[in-house]
Amino acid sequence: MSLMTVSEVADFLSVQDVRVQRLERESLLLAKDKDDAGNPLFDQSDVEKYKELAERLGGL
Protein backbone atom coordinates (compact mmCIF):
# COMPACT_ATOMS: atom_id res chain seq x y z
CA MET A 1 0.00 0.00 0.00
CA SER A 2 1.41 3.33 -1.08
CA LEU A 3 0.21 6.34 0.88
CA MET A 4 -0.32 9.77 -0.68
CA THR A 5 -0.41 13.16 1.04
CA VAL A 6 -3.19 15.70 0.53
CA SER A 7 -0.97 17.63 -1.92
CA GLU A 8 -0.15 14.51 -3.93
CA VAL A 9 -3.83 13.58 -4.14
CA ALA A 10 -4.74 17.13 -5.17
CA ASP A 11 -2.13 17.04 -7.95
CA PHE A 12 -3.33 13.62 -9.12
CA LEU A 13 -6.98 14.72 -9.20
CA SER A 14 -6.13 18.21 -10.55
CA VAL A 15 -7.97 19.94 -7.70
CA GLN A 16 -6.97 22.20 -4.82
CA ASP A 17 -5.80 20.81 -1.46
CA VAL A 18 -8.89 22.16 0.27
CA ARG A 19 -11.10 20.06 -2.03
CA VAL A 20 -9.25 16.88 -1.00
CA GLN A 21 -9.66 17.80 2.67
CA ARG A 22 -13.39 18.33 2.12
CA LEU A 23 -13.71 14.96 0.35
CA GLU A 24 -12.07 13.33 3.36
CA ARG A 25 -14.21 15.24 5.85
CA GLU A 26 -17.39 14.19 3.97
CA SER A 27 -16.16 10.55 3.85
CA LEU A 28 -16.10 10.51 0.04
CA LEU A 29 -12.38 9.71 0.06
CA LEU A 30 -11.26 7.81 3.15
CA ALA A 31 -7.90 8.41 4.80
CA LYS A 32 -5.95 5.29 5.74
CA ASP A 33 -3.67 7.00 8.25
CA LYS A 34 -2.51 10.38 9.57
CA ASP A 35 0.97 11.89 9.38
CA ASP A 36 2.84 13.35 12.35
CA ALA A 37 1.06 16.68 11.90
CA GLY A 38 -2.38 15.02 11.84
CA ASN A 39 -2.91 15.43 8.10
CA PRO A 40 -4.70 12.58 6.32
CA LEU A 41 -2.83 10.07 4.17
CA PHE A 42 -4.65 8.21 1.40
CA ASP A 43 -4.08 4.81 -0.20
CA GLN A 44 -3.04 5.34 -3.83
CA SER A 45 -5.35 2.60 -5.14
CA ASP A 46 -8.34 4.20 -3.36
CA VAL A 47 -7.51 7.56 -4.96
CA GLU A 48 -7.25 5.95 -8.40
CA LYS A 49 -10.62 4.22 -7.92
CA TYR A 50 -12.20 7.48 -6.75
CA LYS A 51 -10.91 9.31 -9.83
CA GLU A 52 -12.24 6.60 -12.16
CA LEU A 53 -15.66 6.70 -10.49
CA ALA A 54 -15.80 10.50 -10.52
CA GLU A 55 -14.95 10.56 -14.23
CA ARG A 56 -17.72 8.03 -14.96
CA LEU A 57 -20.20 10.23 -13.08
CA GLY A 58 -19.29 13.35 -15.03
CA GLY A 59 -16.04 14.67 -13.58
CA LEU A 60 -14.58 15.98 -10.37
C-alpha atoms as a PDB file:
ATOM      1  CA  MET A   1       0.000   0.000   0.000  1.00  0.00           C
ATOM      2  CA  SER A   2       1.410   3.329  -1.085  1.00  0.00           C
ATOM      3  CA  LEU A   3       0.214   6.340   0.881  1.00  0.00           C
ATOM      4  CA  MET A   4      -0.318   9.772  -0.676  1.00  0.00           C
ATOM      5  CA  THR A   5      -0.414  13.160   1.038  1.00  0.00           C
ATOM      6  CA  VAL A   6      -3.187  15.700   0.531  1.00  0.00           C
ATOM      7  CA  SER A   7      -0.972  17.625  -1.916  1.00  0.00           C
ATOM      8  CA  GLU A   8      -0.149  14.513  -3.926  1.00  0.00           C
ATOM      9  CA  VAL A   9      -3.832  13.576  -4.144  1.00  0.00           C
ATOM     10  CA  ALA A  10      -4.739  17.125  -5.172  1.00  0.00           C
ATOM     11  CA  ASP A  11      -2.135  17.036  -7.949  1.00  0.00           C
ATOM     12  CA  PHE A  12      -3.327  13.616  -9.120  1.00  0.00           C
ATOM     13  CA  LEU A  13      -6.980  14.722  -9.198  1.00  0.00           C
ATOM     14  CA  SER A  14      -6.133  18.212 -10.545  1.00  0.00           C
ATOM     15  CA  VAL A  15      -7.972  19.944  -7.699  1.00  0.00           C
ATOM     16  CA  GLN A  16      -6.974  22.201  -4.817  1.00  0.00           C
ATOM     17  CA  ASP A  17      -5.798  20.808  -1.464  1.00  0.00           C
ATOM     18  CA  VAL A  18      -8.892  22.164   0.269  1.00  0.00           C
ATOM     19  CA  ARG A  19     -11.102  20.064  -2.034  1.00  0.00           C
ATOM     20  CA  VAL A  20      -9.251  16.881  -0.996  1.00  0.00           C
ATOM     21  CA  GLN A  21      -9.657  17.803   2.669  1.00  0.00           C
ATOM     22  CA  ARG A  22     -13.392  18.331   2.115  1.00  0.00           C
ATOM     23  CA  LEU A  23     -13.714  14.958   0.347  1.00  0.00           C
ATOM     24  CA  GLU A  24     -12.074  13.327   3.359  1.00  0.00           C
ATOM     25  CA  ARG A  25     -14.215  15.236   5.849  1.00  0.00           C
ATOM     26  CA  GLU A  26     -17.387  14.190   3.967  1.00  0.00           C
ATOM     27  CA  SER A  27     -16.162  10.546   3.846  1.00  0.00           C
ATOM     28  CA  LEU A  28     -16.096  10.511   0.040  1.00  0.00           C
ATOM     29  CA  LEU A  29     -12.379   9.711   0.063  1.00  0.00           C
ATOM     30  CA  LEU A  30     -11.261   7.811   3.152  1.00  0.00           C
ATOM     31  CA  ALA A  31      -7.899   8.415   4.796  1.00  0.00           C
ATOM     32  CA  LYS A  32      -5.949   5.286   5.736  1.00  0.00           C
ATOM     33  CA  ASP A  33      -3.666   7.003   8.246  1.00  0.00           C
ATOM     34  CA  LYS A  34      -2.509  10.376   9.574  1.00  0.00           C
ATOM     35  CA  ASP A  35       0.966  11.887   9.376  1.00  0.00           C
ATOM     36  CA  ASP A  36       2.841  13.348  12.354  1.00  0.00           C
ATOM     37  CA  ALA A  37       1.058  16.685  11.904  1.00  0.00           C
ATOM     38  CA  GLY A  38      -2.380  15.019  11.843  1.00  0.00           C
ATOM     39  CA  ASN A  39      -2.914  15.426   8.103  1.00  0.00           C
ATOM     40  CA  PRO A  40      -4.695  12.578   6.316  1.00  0.00           C
ATOM     41  CA  LEU A  41      -2.826  10.067   4.168  1.00  0.00           C
ATOM     42  CA  PHE A  42      -4.646   8.211   1.400  1.00  0.00           C
ATOM     43  CA  ASP A  43      -4.083   4.807  -0.204  1.00  0.00           C
ATOM     44  CA  GLN A  44      -3.043   5.337  -3.832  1.00  0.00           C
ATOM     45  CA  SER A  45      -5.349   2.598  -5.141  1.00  0.00           C
ATOM     46  CA  ASP A  46      -8.338   4.204  -3.362  1.00  0.00           C
ATOM     47  CA  VAL A  47      -7.507   7.559  -4.960  1.00  0.00           C
ATOM     48  CA  GLU A  48      -7.249   5.955  -8.398  1.00  0.00           C
ATOM     49  CA  LYS A  49     -10.625   4.217  -7.916  1.00  0.00           C
ATOM     50  CA  TYR A  50     -12.201   7.478  -6.755  1.00  0.00           C
ATOM     51  CA  LYS A  51     -10.905   9.311  -9.829  1.00  0.00           C
ATOM     52  CA  GLU A  52     -12.240   6.604 -12.160  1.00  0.00           C
ATOM     53  CA  LEU A  53     -15.658   6.699 -10.491  1.00  0.00           C
ATOM     54  CA  ALA A  54     -15.798  10.501 -10.522  1.00  0.00           C
ATOM     55  CA  GLU A  55     -14.954  10.560 -14.233  1.00  0.00           C
ATOM     56  CA  ARG A  56     -17.720   8.035 -14.959  1.00  0.00           C
ATOM     57  CA  LEU A  57     -20.197  10.226 -13.080  1.00  0.00           C
ATOM     58  CA  GLY A  58     -19.294  13.351 -15.030  1.00  0.00           C
ATOM     59  CA  GLY A  59     -16.040  14.668 -13.577  1.00  0.00           C
ATOM     60  CA  LEU A  60     -14.580  15.978 -10.372  1.00  0.00           C
END
